Amino acid sequence: MEKYLQQTKSDCIKVVLFGPESTGKSTLAKELAIHFKTDFIEEYAREYLQKKFEFNKSICQIDDMLPIAKEQMNLENKASIKNSIIFCDTDLLTTKVYSEIYFNHCDPLLKKYALLNHYDLYLLMNIDVPWVKDDLRDKPNERKEMFDSFMKALIENDKKFEIISGNFKERKEKAIRIINNLFNFKV
């Protein structure tokens, strides 16, 4: 399992959309990929857990964390080989944070690679947009605590990040400006 959680070495710039549920991560990842003419890596946990829910109304269990992490890294590694920049709708640090919040535990292997894998920038999505219910979202009243947990993970692990706030248009404009300034992109 360990080799499946490792990042493939590449020169690709990796930007992670990071933060609590229903903060616009997926939407912004898609929009940034379109703007920068590259790929975005979808959140595999959503696909995996939605199928599980539709099959037997089952929710996420701790045993789901490693299979989710494994496929997330597979998707990211494939995209990083062929692009100069990618936008990740999630990463293993996200999976680690959720595992700790929901199960008060994180598999040691997941934790190891959540901290070892390298990303050039995290865009921490603020909770200042409306929460939208779906089959998988379940923490509308804990958004502040969730946001704090995500920020704490970034700070404690010395990850480079910027907080993205405002309406969806403002978020996109701010993210593009940050990326252009940091990585000298002019798209």
Foldseek 3Di string as FASTA:
>chain_A
DLVLLAADDALAAEEEADFDPQQCLVVLQVVVCVVQVAEEQEQQVVVVQVVVCVVPNDGDDLVVLVVSSSVSRVSVNVRRHPDNYYYYSHHLLRSQLVCCVPPVDDDPSSVVSSLVYDHQEYAQGAPQDDGDDDSHDDCNPCRVVRSVSRVCSCVVSVHHYDYADDPPVSSNVVVVVVCCVVVVDDD
